[in-house]
Amino acid sequence: MQTASTLDVLRTALAALRKGGATVGLVPTMGALHEGHLTLVRRAREVCDHVVASIFVNPTQFGEGEDLDSYPRQLAEDAAMLEAEGVALLWAPGVEAMYPEGFATSISVKGVSEGLCGAARPGHFDGVATVVAKLFNQVMPDRAFFGEKDYQQLAVIRTMARDLDLTRPHADAIIGVPTVREADGLAMSSRNRYLSPEQRAAAATLPAAMRETVAGIEAGEPVAPALAALEKRLEAAGFDRPDYVALADAASLAPLDALGTAPARLLVAARIGGTRLIDNMAVSPRPA
């Protein structure tokens, strides 16, 4: 596996990978890799000739008081994991390569970015959209792979690609990969390592309560009482009051007060101790 930290090296390496018309898949990450990231790599290897992974802790998507400084950085360990999975090229730029002096551009995706985490973390998705657009322009992948755990992020990136007429990748070539979970159901996340043993045990309440809420809504339980009960159960388990507990249209992320005939998504963000956890699950629609 080759590692590039400058654009010149990246472009030379990509040109070599693309010889003969070979396809390239991109797996963007912020490092601190776990099985969820490696699942993205494996999916990319299934459908692309070569996989490029990026590691960049993007400062523009962190808000004031968030964990930018403490976010885990372990480049050597991450690189070894990627090489073992058959990644051809690691793009690991520094901040100065991504945001050179005088950088003055930001991408804002309206609508789909404005509720949920967008409301709880102002400016977060502007930072996400901007850095992902840069990664797409730098790598020009045929396909790009993102985890569905960050479901709103996936929706923002697809909308950006559609609205800006991106061709590499185009919106349909942005692949969402199902959430990878621990044995007790907790969604894998680089931030799970922040949890104390007691918090980690309590955190398993989140996916368990969400599954029960999904089943209740699909069975016809009114949405508002179901969401309120989920929120109370999380607080009883030791979570702070959630940033949000919402049922939303799976495509637009518009909030729903009743289950309709289109696919829906249950989405939750809540803190336990100092750690903010997010999760989401599909909710089957009513028969048409």
C-alpha atoms as a PDB file:
ATOM      1  CA  MET A   1       0.000   0.000   0.000  1.00  0.00           C
ATOM      2  CA  GLN A   2       1.279   3.432  -0.956  1.00  0.00           C
ATOM      3  CA  THR A   3       0.692   6.444   1.294  1.00  0.00           C
ATOM      4  CA  ALA A   4       0.334   9.968  -0.079  1.00  0.00           C
ATOM      5  CA  SER A   5       0.297  13.149   1.951  1.00  0.00           C
ATOM      6  CA  THR A   6       0.620  15.692  -0.879  1.00  0.00           C
ATOM      7  CA  LEU A   7      -1.568  16.217  -3.919  1.00  0.00           C
ATOM      8  CA  ASP A   8       1.294  15.642  -6.373  1.00  0.00           C
ATOM      9  CA  VAL A   9       2.039  12.219  -4.915  1.00  0.00           C
ATOM     10  CA  LEU A  10      -1.673  11.394  -4.757  1.00  0.00           C
ATOM     11  CA  ARG A  11      -2.265  12.258  -8.421  1.00  0.00           C
ATOM     12  CA  THR A  12       0.756  10.287  -9.606  1.00  0.00           C
ATOM     13  CA  ALA A  13      -0.346   7.252  -7.620  1.00  0.00           C
ATOM     14  CA  LEU A  14      -3.929   7.510  -8.889  1.00  0.00           C
ATOM     15  CA  ALA A  15      -2.771   7.720 -12.502  1.00  0.00           C
ATOM     16  CA  ALA A  16      -0.872   4.462 -12.018  1.00  0.00           C
ATOM     17  CA  LEU A  17      -3.891   2.755 -10.457  1.00  0.00           C
ATOM     18  CA  ARG A  18      -6.157   3.786 -13.321  1.00  0.00           C
ATOM     19  CA  LYS A  19      -3.992   2.364 -16.099  1.00  0.00           C
ATOM     20  CA  GLY A  20      -6.002   0.109 -18.358  1.00  0.00           C
ATOM     21  CA  GLY A  21      -9.278   1.634 -17.249  1.00  0.00           C
ATOM     22  CA  ALA A  22      -9.246   0.204 -13.722  1.00  0.00           C
ATOM     23  CA  THR A  23     -11.914   1.525 -11.367  1.00  0.00           C
ATOM     24  CA  VAL A  24     -11.242   3.247  -8.056  1.00  0.00           C
ATOM     25  CA  GLY A  25     -13.400   3.212  -4.943  1.00  0.00           C
ATOM     26  CA  LEU A  26     -12.961   5.780  -2.174  1.00  0.00           C
ATOM     27  CA  VAL A  27     -13.532   5.147   1.535  1.00  0.00           C
ATOM     28  CA  PRO A  28     -13.271   8.490   3.379  1.00  0.00           C
ATOM     29  CA  THR A  29     -12.533   8.258   7.112  1.00  0.00           C
ATOM     30  CA  MET A  30     -11.256  10.314  10.032  1.00  0.00           C
ATOM     31  CA  GLY A  31      -9.137   7.389  11.231  1.00  0.00           C
ATOM     32  CA  ALA A  32      -9.437   5.574  14.564  1.00  0.00           C
ATOM     33  CA  LEU A  33     -10.577   2.677  12.418  1.00  0.00           C
ATOM     34  CA  HIS A  34     -12.806  -0.173  13.542  1.00  0.00           C
ATOM     35  CA  GLU A  35     -14.716  -3.030  11.947  1.00  0.00           C
ATOM     36  CA  GLY A  36     -17.289  -0.634  10.524  1.00  0.00           C
ATOM     37  CA  HIS A  37     -14.637   1.130   8.451  1.00  0.00           C
ATOM     38  CA  LEU A  38     -13.130  -2.167   7.351  1.00  0.00           C
ATOM     39  CA  THR A  39     -16.558  -3.330   6.193  1.00  0.00           C
ATOM     40  CA  LEU A  40     -16.647  -0.285   3.893  1.00  0.00           C
ATOM     41  CA  VAL A  41     -13.254  -1.262   2.507  1.00  0.00           C
ATOM     42  CA  ARG A  42     -14.403  -4.835   1.871  1.00  0.00           C
ATOM     43  CA  ARG A  43     -17.525  -3.606   0.093  1.00  0.00           C
ATOM     44  CA  ALA A  44     -15.401  -1.308  -2.063  1.00  0.00           C
ATOM     45  CA  ARG A  45     -13.072  -4.152  -2.975  1.00  0.00           C
ATOM     46  CA  GLU A  46     -16.047  -6.218  -4.115  1.00  0.00           C
ATOM     47  CA  VAL A  47     -17.091  -3.705  -6.773  1.00  0.00           C
ATOM     48  CA  CYS A  48     -13.921  -1.730  -7.621  1.00  0.00           C
ATOM     49  CA  ASP A  49     -10.518  -2.728  -8.960  1.00  0.00           C
ATOM     50  CA  HIS A  50      -8.654  -0.598  -6.432  1.00  0.00           C
ATOM     51  CA  VAL A  51      -9.547   0.996  -3.108  1.00  0.00           C
ATOM     52  CA  VAL A  52      -8.290   4.366  -1.922  1.00  0.00           C
ATOM     53  CA  ALA A  53      -8.897   5.204   1.740  1.00  0.00           C
ATOM     54  CA  SER A  54      -8.480   8.673   3.200  1.00  0.00           C
ATOM     55  CA  ILE A  55      -7.690   9.604   6.782  1.00  0.00           C
ATOM     56  CA  PHE A  56      -8.237  13.231   7.709  1.00  0.00           C
ATOM     57  CA  VAL A  57      -9.590  14.624  10.966  1.00  0.00           C
ATOM     58  CA  ASN A  58     -11.509  17.507   9.466  1.00  0.00           C
ATOM     59  CA  PRO A  59     -11.461  20.566  11.734  1.00  0.00           C
ATOM     60  CA  THR A  60     -14.278  22.375   9.911  1.00  0.00           C
ATOM     61  CA  GLN A  61     -16.899  19.823  10.951  1.00  0.00           C
ATOM     62  CA  PHE A  62     -16.169  20.194  14.670  1.00  0.00           C
ATOM     63  CA  GLY A  63     -17.971  22.894  16.617  1.00  0.00           C
ATOM     64  CA  GLU A  64     -16.776  24.921  19.562  1.00  0.00           C
ATOM     65  CA  GLY A  65     -16.341  22.716  22.608  1.00  0.00           C
ATOM     66  CA  GLU A  66     -16.406  19.463  20.598  1.00  0.00           C
ATOM     67  CA  ASP A  67     -13.690  16.820  20.639  1.00  0.00           C
ATOM     68  CA  LEU A  68     -11.370  17.945  17.817  1.00  0.00           C
ATOM     69  CA  ASP A  69      -8.284  18.039  20.019  1.00  0.00           C
ATOM     70  CA  SER A  70      -9.015  14.742  21.751  1.00  0.00           C
ATOM     71  CA  TYR A  71     -10.304  12.847  18.704  1.00  0.00           C
ATOM     72  CA  PRO A  72      -8.169   9.672  18.508  1.00  0.00           C
ATOM     73  CA  ARG A  73      -5.321   9.797  15.991  1.00  0.00           C
ATOM     74  CA  GLN A  74      -3.418   6.563  15.273  1.00  0.00           C
ATOM     75  CA  LEU A  75      -2.152   6.805  11.707  1.00  0.00           C
ATOM     76  CA  ALA A  76       0.403   3.984  11.859  1.00  0.00           C
ATOM     77  CA  GLU A  77      -2.075   1.517  13.349  1.00  0.00           C
ATOM     78  CA  ASP A  78      -4.806   2.565  10.923  1.00  0.00           C
ATOM     79  CA  ALA A  79      -2.460   2.250   7.951  1.00  0.00           C
ATOM     80  CA  ALA A  80      -1.543  -1.294   8.958  1.00  0.00           C
ATOM     81  CA  MET A  81      -5.224  -2.244   9.170  1.00  0.00           C
ATOM     82  CA  LEU A  82      -5.925  -0.785   5.726  1.00  0.00           C
ATOM     83  CA  GLU A  83      -2.946  -2.517   4.162  1.00  0.00           C
ATOM     84  CA  ALA A  84      -4.087  -5.838   5.622  1.00  0.00           C
ATOM     85  CA  GLU A  85      -7.477  -5.315   3.935  1.00  0.00           C
ATOM     86  CA  GLY A  86      -5.900  -4.769   0.526  1.00  0.00           C
ATOM     87  CA  VAL A  87      -6.201  -0.990   0.222  1.00  0.00           C
ATOM     88  CA  ALA A  88      -4.001   0.182  -2.640  1.00  0.00           C
ATOM     89  CA  LEU A  89      -3.513   3.814  -1.624  1.00  0.00           C
ATOM     90  CA  LEU A  90      -3.888   5.788   1.597  1.00  0.00           C
ATOM     91  CA  TRP A  91      -4.501   9.529   1.236  1.00  0.00           C
ATOM     92  CA  ALA A  92      -3.439  11.105   4.534  1.00  0.00           C
ATOM     93  CA  PRO A  93      -3.112  14.858   4.032  1.00  0.00           C
ATOM     94  CA  GLY A  94      -2.312  17.387   6.719  1.00  0.00           C
ATOM     95  CA  VAL A  95      -4.535  20.358   7.465  1.00  0.00           C
ATOM     96  CA  GLU A  96      -2.290  22.608   5.389  1.00  0.00           C
ATOM     97  CA  ALA A  97      -2.843  20.421   2.311  1.00  0.00           C
ATOM     98  CA  MET A  98      -6.628  20.466   2.671  1.00  0.00           C
ATOM     99  CA  TYR A  99      -7.029  24.053   3.819  1.00  0.00           C
ATOM    100  CA  PRO A 100      -4.095  26.102   2.500  1.00  0.00           C
ATOM    101  CA  GLU A 101      -3.568  29.655   3.621  1.00  0.00           C
ATOM    102  CA  GLY A 102      -6.344  31.883   2.319  1.00  0.00           C
ATOM    103  CA  PHE A 103      -8.886  29.060   1.935  1.00  0.00           C
ATOM    104  CA  ALA A 104     -12.254  30.810   1.657  1.00  0.00           C
ATOM    105  CA  THR A 105     -14.842  28.385   0.236  1.00  0.00           C
ATOM    106  CA  SER A 106     -17.636  26.455   1.944  1.00  0.00           C
ATOM    107  CA  ILE A 107     -20.442  24.257   0.621  1.00  0.00           C
ATOM    108  CA  SER A 108     -23.835  24.445   2.328  1.00  0.00           C
ATOM    109  CA  VAL A 109     -26.560  21.900   1.552  1.00  0.00           C
ATOM    110  CA  LYS A 110     -29.948  23.260   2.570  1.00  0.00           C
ATOM    111  CA  GLY A 111     -32.963  21.226   3.626  1.00  0.00           C
ATOM    112  CA  VAL A 112     -31.619  17.780   4.382  1.00  0.00           C
ATOM    113  CA  SER A 113     -28.839  19.220   6.582  1.00  0.00           C
ATOM    114  CA  GLU A 114     -30.973  21.524   8.703  1.00  0.00           C
ATOM    115  CA  GLY A 115     -32.660  19.295  11.287  1.00  0.00           C
ATOM    116  CA  LEU A 116     -31.412  16.490  13.518  1.00  0.00           C
ATOM    117  CA  CYS A 117     -27.601  16.745  13.843  1.00  0.00           C
ATOM    118  CA  GLY A 118     -27.656  19.879  11.722  1.00  0.00           C
ATOM    119  CA  ALA A 119     -29.723  21.636  14.377  1.00  0.00           C
ATOM    120  CA  ALA A 120     -27.687  20.229  17.264  1.00  0.00           C
ATOM    121  CA  ARG A 121     -24.312  20.949  15.626  1.00  0.00           C
ATOM    122  CA  PRO A 122     -24.545  24.219  13.653  1.00  0.00           C
ATOM    123  CA  GLY A 123     -22.124  24.342  10.751  1.00  0.00           C
ATOM    124  CA  HIS A 124     -21.226  20.659  11.032  1.00  0.00           C
ATOM    125  CA  PHE A 125     -22.613  19.625   7.668  1.00  0.00           C
ATOM    126  CA  ASP A 126     -21.068  22.610   5.894  1.00  0.00           C
ATOM    127  CA  GLY A 127     -17.729  21.230   7.051  1.00  0.00           C
ATOM    128  CA  VAL A 128     -18.666  17.702   5.976  1.00  0.00           C
ATOM    129  CA  ALA A 129     -19.904  18.752   2.530  1.00  0.00           C
ATOM    130  CA  THR A 130     -16.861  20.921   1.889  1.00  0.00           C
ATOM    131  CA  VAL A 131     -14.269  18.332   2.846  1.00  0.00           C
ATOM    132  CA  VAL A 132     -16.049  15.506   1.009  1.00  0.00           C
ATOM    133  CA  ALA A 133     -16.323  17.640  -2.135  1.00  0.00           C
ATOM    134  CA  LYS A 134     -12.575  18.232  -1.891  1.00  0.00           C
ATOM    135  CA  LEU A 135     -11.906  14.512  -1.438  1.00  0.00           C
ATOM    136  CA  PHE A 136     -14.076  13.726  -4.467  1.00  0.00           C
ATOM    137  CA  ASN A 137     -12.211  16.294  -6.575  1.00  0.00           C
ATOM    138  CA  GLN A 138      -8.831  15.060  -5.356  1.00  0.00           C
ATOM    139  CA  VAL A 139      -9.436  11.339  -5.872  1.00  0.00           C
ATOM    140  CA  MET A 140     -12.138  11.407  -8.599  1.00  0.00           C
ATOM    141  CA  PRO A 141     -13.422   7.979  -7.535  1.00  0.00           C
ATOM    142  CA  ASP A 142     -15.783   5.878  -9.600  1.00  0.00           C
ATOM    143  CA  ARG A 143     -17.651   5.033  -6.393  1.00  0.00           C
ATOM    144  CA  ALA A 144     -17.512   6.227  -2.800  1.00  0.00           C
ATOM    145  CA  PHE A 145     -18.571   4.309   0.301  1.00  0.00           C
ATOM    146  CA  PHE A 146     -20.109   5.642   3.519  1.00  0.00           C
ATOM    147  CA  GLY A 147     -21.653   3.953   6.541  1.00  0.00           C
ATOM    148  CA  GLU A 148     -25.384   4.283   7.098  1.00  0.00           C
ATOM    149  CA  LYS A 149     -24.743   4.949  10.799  1.00  0.00           C
ATOM    150  CA  ASP A 150     -24.180   8.571   9.787  1.00  0.00           C
ATOM    151  CA  TYR A 151     -27.437   8.530   7.860  1.00  0.00           C
ATOM    152  CA  GLN A 152     -27.950  12.288   7.650  1.00  0.00           C
ATOM    153  CA  GLN A 153     -24.363  12.729   6.486  1.00  0.00           C
ATOM    154  CA  LEU A 154     -25.008  10.209   3.698  1.00  0.00           C
ATOM    155  CA  ALA A 155     -28.116  12.122   2.652  1.00  0.00           C
ATOM    156  CA  VAL A 156     -26.204  15.424   2.631  1.00  0.00           C
ATOM    157  CA  ILE A 157     -23.412  13.986   0.490  1.00  0.00           C
ATOM    158  CA  ARG A 158     -25.803  12.439  -2.017  1.00  0.00           C
ATOM    159  CA  THR A 159     -27.717  15.712  -2.292  1.00  0.00           C
ATOM    160  CA  MET A 160     -24.502  17.648  -2.814  1.00  0.00           C
ATOM    161  CA  ALA A 161     -23.370  15.277  -5.558  1.00  0.00           C
ATOM    162  CA  ARG A 162     -26.736  15.524  -7.297  1.00  0.00           C
ATOM    163  CA  ASP A 163     -27.020  19.301  -7.033  1.00  0.00           C
ATOM    164  CA  LEU A 164     -23.465  19.987  -8.211  1.00  0.00           C
ATOM    165  CA  ASP A 165     -23.720  17.487 -11.099  1.00  0.00           C
ATOM    166  CA  LEU A 166     -20.757  15.524  -9.840  1.00  0.00           C
ATOM    167  CA  THR A 167     -19.736  12.759 -12.198  1.00  0.00           C
ATOM    168  CA  ARG A 168     -16.951  11.057 -10.226  1.00  0.00           C
ATOM    169  CA  PRO A 169     -18.723   9.926  -8.260  1.00  0.00           C
ATOM    170  CA  HIS A 170     -22.237  10.769  -9.387  1.00  0.00           C
ATOM    171  CA  ALA A 171     -24.957  10.618  -6.765  1.00  0.00           C
ATOM    172  CA  ASP A 172     -25.984   7.039  -7.594  1.00  0.00           C
ATOM    173  CA  ALA A 173     -22.381   5.901  -7.155  1.00  0.00           C
ATOM    174  CA  ILE A 174     -22.305   7.015  -3.519  1.00  0.00           C
ATOM    175  CA  ILE A 175     -22.879   3.713  -1.752  1.00  0.00           C
ATOM    176  CA  GLY A 176     -24.409   3.437   1.711  1.00  0.00           C
ATOM    177  CA  VAL A 177     -23.262   0.394   3.679  1.00  0.00           C
ATOM    178  CA  PRO A 178     -25.415  -0.934   6.550  1.00  0.00           C
ATOM    179  CA  THR A 179     -24.361  -0.102  10.106  1.00  0.00           C
ATOM    180  CA  VAL A 180     -21.963  -2.554  11.721  1.00  0.00           C
ATOM    181  CA  ARG A 181     -22.836  -3.330  15.337  1.00  0.00           C
ATOM    182  CA  GLU A 182     -21.197  -4.782  18.411  1.00  0.00           C
ATOM    183  CA  ALA A 183     -22.506  -8.080  19.796  1.00  0.00           C
ATOM    184  CA  ASP A 184     -24.953  -6.211  22.056  1.00  0.00           C
ATOM    185  CA  GLY A 185     -26.239  -4.092  19.178  1.00  0.00           C
ATOM    186  CA  LEU A 186     -24.394  -0.816  19.806  1.00  0.00           C
ATOM    187  CA  ALA A 187     -23.386   0.804  16.530  1.00  0.00           C
ATOM    188  CA  MET A 188     -19.634   0.761  16.063  1.00  0.00           C
ATOM    189  CA  SER A 189     -18.095   4.204  16.410  1.00  0.00           C
ATOM    190  CA  SER A 190     -14.636   5.629  16.994  1.00  0.00           C
ATOM    191  CA  ARG A 191     -16.147   7.537  19.917  1.00  0.00           C
ATOM    192  CA  ASN A 192     -17.249   4.361  21.731  1.00  0.00           C
ATOM    193  CA  ARG A 193     -13.755   4.201  23.205  1.00  0.00           C
ATOM    194  CA  TYR A 194     -14.592   7.292  25.265  1.00  0.00           C
ATOM    195  CA  LEU A 195     -17.152   5.300  27.290  1.00  0.00           C
ATOM    196  CA  SER A 196     -16.351   3.991  30.762  1.00  0.00           C
ATOM    197  CA  PRO A 197     -17.269   0.325  31.381  1.00  0.00           C
ATOM    198  CA  GLU A 198     -20.450   1.406  33.153  1.00  0.00           C
ATOM    199  CA  GLN A 199     -21.404   3.812  30.368  1.00  0.00           C
ATOM    200  CA  ARG A 200     -20.621   1.188  27.749  1.00  0.00           C
ATOM    201  CA  ALA A 201     -22.993  -1.283  29.415  1.00  0.00           C
ATOM    202  CA  ALA A 202     -25.739   1.342  29.623  1.00  0.00           C
ATOM    203  CA  ALA A 203     -25.194   2.385  26.006  1.00  0.00           C
ATOM    204  CA  ALA A 204     -26.583  -0.950  24.811  1.00  0.00           C
ATOM    205  CA  THR A 205     -29.991   0.357  25.886  1.00  0.00           C
ATOM    206  CA  LEU A 206     -29.959   2.644  22.839  1.00  0.00           C
ATOM    207  CA  PRO A 207     -30.221   0.014  20.068  1.00  0.00           C
ATOM    208  CA  ALA A 208     -32.439  -2.256  22.158  1.00  0.00           C
ATOM    209  CA  ALA A 209     -34.946   0.521  22.858  1.00  0.00           C
ATOM    210  CA  MET A 210     -34.826   1.656  19.242  1.00  0.00           C
ATOM    211  CA  ARG A 211     -35.628  -1.832  17.955  1.00  0.00           C
ATOM    212  CA  GLU A 212     -38.633  -2.025  20.256  1.00  0.00           C
ATOM    213  CA  THR A 213     -39.789   1.425  19.145  1.00  0.00           C
ATOM    214  CA  VAL A 214     -39.491   0.463  15.482  1.00  0.00           C
ATOM    215  CA  ALA A 215     -41.535  -2.679  16.114  1.00  0.00           C
ATOM    216  CA  GLY A 216     -44.200  -0.684  17.949  1.00  0.00           C
ATOM    217  CA  ILE A 217     -44.547   1.948  15.227  1.00  0.00           C
ATOM    218  CA  GLU A 218     -44.660  -0.697  12.499  1.00  0.00           C
ATOM    219  CA  ALA A 219     -47.410  -2.450  14.503  1.00  0.00           C
ATOM    220  CA  GLY A 220     -49.493   0.736  14.543  1.00  0.00           C
ATOM    221  CA  GLU A 221     -48.481   2.465  17.767  1.00  0.00           C
ATOM    222  CA  PRO A 222     -48.948   6.247  17.486  1.00  0.00           C
ATOM    223  CA  VAL A 223     -45.641   7.931  16.718  1.00  0.00           C
ATOM    224  CA  ALA A 224     -45.548  10.700  19.348  1.00  0.00           C
ATOM    225  CA  PRO A 225     -46.113   8.438  22.391  1.00  0.00           C
ATOM    226  CA  ALA A 226     -43.648   5.887  20.994  1.00  0.00           C
ATOM    227  CA  LEU A 227     -40.928   8.512  20.635  1.00  0.00           C
ATOM    228  CA  ALA A 228     -41.645   9.946  24.082  1.00  0.00           C
ATOM    229  CA  ALA A 229     -41.373   6.484  25.635  1.00  0.00           C
ATOM    230  CA  LEU A 230     -38.052   5.910  23.876  1.00  0.00           C
ATOM    231  CA  GLU A 231     -36.699   9.187  25.193  1.00  0.00           C
ATOM    232  CA  LYS A 232     -37.752   8.351  28.766  1.00  0.00           C
ATOM    233  CA  ARG A 233     -36.176   4.902  28.546  1.00  0.00           C
ATOM    234  CA  LEU A 234     -32.853   6.391  27.458  1.00  0.00           C
ATOM    235  CA  GLU A 235     -32.882   8.914  30.290  1.00  0.00           C
ATOM    236  CA  ALA A 236     -33.669   6.148  32.773  1.00  0.00           C
ATOM    237  CA  ALA A 237     -30.636   4.207  31.481  1.00  0.00           C
ATOM    238  CA  GLY A 238     -28.304   7.116  32.197  1.00  0.00           C
ATOM    239  CA  PHE A 239     -28.374   9.140  28.983  1.00  0.00           C
ATOM    240  CA  ASP A 240     -28.796  12.899  29.076  1.00  0.00           C
ATOM    241  CA  ARG A 241     -31.945  14.228  27.458  1.00  0.00           C
ATOM    242  CA  PRO A 242     -31.483  13.289  23.777  1.00  0.00           C
ATOM    243  CA  ASP A 243     -30.592  15.923  21.205  1.00  0.00           C
ATOM    244  CA  TYR A 244     -33.358  14.352  19.154  1.00  0.00           C
ATOM    245  CA  VAL A 245     -35.562  11.288  18.888  1.00  0.00           C
ATOM    246  CA  ALA A 246     -37.281  11.465  15.518  1.00  0.00           C
ATOM    247  CA  LEU A 247     -39.173   9.562  12.873  1.00  0.00           C
ATOM    248  CA  ALA A 248     -38.316  10.930   9.440  1.00  0.00           C
ATOM    249  CA  ASP A 249     -38.891  10.233   5.775  1.00  0.00           C
ATOM    250  CA  ALA A 250     -35.994   8.023   4.679  1.00  0.00           C
ATOM    251  CA  ALA A 251     -35.254  10.092   1.575  1.00  0.00           C
ATOM    252  CA  SER A 252     -35.867  13.718   2.564  1.00  0.00           C
ATOM    253  CA  LEU A 253     -35.441  13.365   6.353  1.00  0.00           C
ATOM    254  CA  ALA A 254     -38.564  15.478   6.767  1.00  0.00           C
ATOM    255  CA  PRO A 255     -40.089  14.735  10.198  1.00  0.00           C
ATOM    256  CA  LEU A 256     -43.117  12.434  10.314  1.00  0.00           C
ATOM    257  CA  ASP A 257     -45.889  12.428  12.896  1.00  0.00           C
ATOM    258  CA  ALA A 258     -47.421   9.267  11.428  1.00  0.00           C
ATOM    259  CA  LEU A 259     -46.083   6.312   9.482  1.00  0.00           C
ATOM    260  CA  GLY A 260     -47.020   6.537   5.812  1.00  0.00           C
ATOM    261  CA  THR A 261     -46.536   4.403   2.727  1.00  0.00           C
ATOM    262  CA  ALA A 262     -42.944   5.550   2.074  1.00  0.00           C
ATOM    263  CA  PRO A 263     -39.870   4.173   3.869  1.00  0.00           C
ATOM    264  CA  ALA A 264     -39.066   5.921   7.136  1.00  0.00           C
ATOM    265  CA  ARG A 265     -36.143   6.096   9.524  1.00  0.00           C
ATOM    266  CA  LEU A 266     -35.956   6.283  13.302  1.00  0.00           C
ATOM    267  CA  LEU A 267     -33.029   8.530  14.257  1.00  0.00           C
ATOM    268  CA  VAL A 268     -31.588   9.272  17.695  1.00  0.00           C
ATOM    269  CA  ALA A 269     -28.709  11.314  19.091  1.00  0.00           C
ATOM    270  CA  ALA A 270     -28.008  11.270  22.816  1.00  0.00           C
ATOM    271  CA  ARG A 271     -25.114  11.773  25.198  1.00  0.00           C
ATOM    272  CA  ILE A 272     -24.025   9.436  27.916  1.00  0.00           C
ATOM    273  CA  GLY A 273     -21.348  10.977  30.073  1.00  0.00           C
ATOM    274  CA  GLY A 274     -19.412  13.201  27.692  1.00  0.00           C
ATOM    275  CA  THR A 275     -19.935  10.970  24.650  1.00  0.00           C
ATOM    276  CA  ARG A 276     -22.491  11.723  21.971  1.00  0.00           C
ATOM    277  CA  LEU A 277     -23.882   8.607  20.297  1.00  0.00           C
ATOM    278  CA  ILE A 278     -26.014   8.543  17.156  1.00  0.00           C
ATOM    279  CA  ASP A 279     -27.975   5.682  15.634  1.00  0.00           C
ATOM    280  CA  ASN A 280     -30.739   5.052  13.143  1.00  0.00           C
ATOM    281  CA  MET A 281     -32.906   2.184  12.006  1.00  0.00           C
ATOM    282  CA  ALA A 282     -35.187   1.572   9.067  1.00  0.00           C
ATOM    283  CA  VAL A 283     -38.946   1.624   9.654  1.00  0.00           C
ATOM    284  CA  SER A 284     -41.049  -0.301   7.152  1.00  0.00           C
ATOM    285  CA  PRO A 285     -43.908   1.718   5.637  1.00  0.00           C
ATOM    286  CA  ARG A 286     -47.594   0.883   5.837  1.00  0.00           C
ATOM    287  CA  PRO A 287     -48.863  -1.140   2.876  1.00  0.00           C
ATOM    288  CA  ALA A 288     -50.028   1.116   0.058  1.00  0.00           C
END
